[in-house]
Amino acid sequence: MSWPNRAEAPSLDFHVRLSPAERDRVDQAALANHQTSSEFGREALVTAADECLEDPPRGFRSRKP
């Protein structure tokens, strides 16, 4: 049985390298949130991207031509 796509477009793999300690920490957090590690990681990455792109970082200066 396949899972439904989370968006209109097909899902794409995204690989992240973690140390054993980092992976253990992610697994613990996922378990605490009743999620798989993949679900937790996806949500964390998308949330971080949304927050990063919400407002320009402080001290951000655009290049002038």
C-alpha atoms as a PDB file:
ATOM      1  CA  MET A   1       0.000   0.000   0.000  1.00  0.00           C
ATOM      2  CA  SER A   2       1.446   3.372  -0.961  1.00  0.00           C
ATOM      3  CA  TRP A   3       1.062   6.542   1.047  1.00  0.00           C
ATOM      4  CA  PRO A   4      -0.707   9.564  -0.468  1.00  0.00           C
ATOM      5  CA  ASN A   5       1.506  12.398  -1.637  1.00  0.00           C
ATOM      6  CA  ARG A   6       1.818  15.343   0.749  1.00  0.00           C
ATOM      7  CA  ALA A   7       1.528  17.839  -2.115  1.00  0.00           C
ATOM      8  CA  GLU A   8       0.189  17.983  -5.627  1.00  0.00           C
ATOM      9  CA  ALA A   9       3.542  16.936  -7.084  1.00  0.00           C
ATOM     10  CA  PRO A  10       5.112  13.526  -6.457  1.00  0.00           C
ATOM     11  CA  SER A  11       7.406  13.307  -3.449  1.00  0.00           C
ATOM     12  CA  LEU A  12      11.180  13.443  -3.931  1.00  0.00           C
ATOM     13  CA  ASP A  13      13.857  11.886  -1.757  1.00  0.00           C
ATOM     14  CA  PHE A  14      16.013  14.241   0.308  1.00  0.00           C
ATOM     15  CA  HIS A  15      18.984  12.695   2.063  1.00  0.00           C
ATOM     16  CA  VAL A  16      20.569  14.153   5.185  1.00  0.00           C
ATOM     17  CA  ARG A  17      23.674  12.788   6.881  1.00  0.00           C
ATOM     18  CA  LEU A  18      23.541  12.671  10.666  1.00  0.00           C
ATOM     19  CA  SER A  19      25.998  11.439  13.247  1.00  0.00           C
ATOM     20  CA  PRO A  20      24.776   8.519  15.356  1.00  0.00           C
ATOM     21  CA  ALA A  21      24.156  10.929  18.251  1.00  0.00           C
ATOM     22  CA  GLU A  22      22.172  13.311  16.031  1.00  0.00           C
ATOM     23  CA  ARG A  23      20.121  10.456  14.600  1.00  0.00           C
ATOM     24  CA  ASP A  24      19.378   9.159  18.085  1.00  0.00           C
ATOM     25  CA  ARG A  25      18.227  12.638  19.137  1.00  0.00           C
ATOM     26  CA  VAL A  26      15.940  12.918  16.086  1.00  0.00           C
ATOM     27  CA  ASP A  27      14.532   9.442  16.739  1.00  0.00           C
ATOM     28  CA  GLN A  28      13.818  10.362  20.389  1.00  0.00           C
ATOM     29  CA  ALA A  29      12.088  13.592  19.379  1.00  0.00           C
ATOM     30  CA  ALA A  30      10.013  11.793  16.744  1.00  0.00           C
ATOM     31  CA  LEU A  31       8.958   9.179  19.276  1.00  0.00           C
ATOM     32  CA  ALA A  32       7.986  11.897  21.773  1.00  0.00           C
ATOM     33  CA  ASN A  33       5.828  13.513  19.065  1.00  0.00           C
ATOM     34  CA  HIS A  34       4.260  10.208  17.959  1.00  0.00           C
ATOM     35  CA  GLN A  35       5.842  10.545  14.509  1.00  0.00           C
ATOM     36  CA  THR A  36       8.236   8.569  12.402  1.00  0.00           C
ATOM     37  CA  SER A  37      11.731  10.004  12.072  1.00  0.00           C
ATOM     38  CA  SER A  38      10.915  10.864   8.469  1.00  0.00           C
ATOM     39  CA  GLU A  39       7.731  12.719   9.418  1.00  0.00           C
ATOM     40  CA  PHE A  40       9.545  14.599  12.173  1.00  0.00           C
ATOM     41  CA  GLY A  41      12.440  15.530   9.888  1.00  0.00           C
ATOM     42  CA  ARG A  42      10.149  16.649   7.062  1.00  0.00           C
ATOM     43  CA  GLU A  43       8.120  18.847   9.396  1.00  0.00           C
ATOM     44  CA  ALA A  44      11.248  20.323  11.014  1.00  0.00           C
ATOM     45  CA  LEU A  45      12.868  21.095   7.649  1.00  0.00           C
ATOM     46  CA  VAL A  46       9.758  22.699   6.166  1.00  0.00           C
ATOM     47  CA  THR A  47       9.120  24.721   9.337  1.00  0.00           C
ATOM     48  CA  ALA A  48      12.731  25.949   9.385  1.00  0.00           C
ATOM     49  CA  ALA A  49      12.539  26.905   5.704  1.00  0.00           C
ATOM     50  CA  ASP A  50       9.263  28.770   6.228  1.00  0.00           C
ATOM     51  CA  GLU A  51      10.695  30.678   9.186  1.00  0.00           C
ATOM     52  CA  CYS A  52      13.896  31.475   7.310  1.00  0.00           C
ATOM     53  CA  LEU A  53      12.045  32.832   4.285  1.00  0.00           C
ATOM     54  CA  GLU A  54       9.325  34.649   6.255  1.00  0.00           C
ATOM     55  CA  ASP A  55      11.423  37.772   6.823  1.00  0.00           C
ATOM     56  CA  PRO A  56      14.878  38.712   5.585  1.00  0.00           C
ATOM     57  CA  PRO A  57      17.529  37.963   8.207  1.00  0.00           C
ATOM     58  CA  ARG A  58      18.623  40.891  10.345  1.00  0.00           C
ATOM     59  CA  GLY A  59      21.541  42.677   8.792  1.00  0.00           C
ATOM     60  CA  PHE A  60      20.527  41.399   5.350  1.00  0.00           C
ATOM     61  CA  ARG A  61      21.632  43.687   2.591  1.00  0.00           C
ATOM     62  CA  SER A  62      20.619  43.192  -0.986  1.00  0.00           C
ATOM     63  CA  ARG A  63      23.238  43.708  -3.662  1.00  0.00           C
ATOM     64  CA  LYS A  64      22.930  46.880  -5.629  1.00  0.00           C
ATOM     65  CA  PRO A  65      23.740  46.606  -9.345  1.00  0.00           C
END
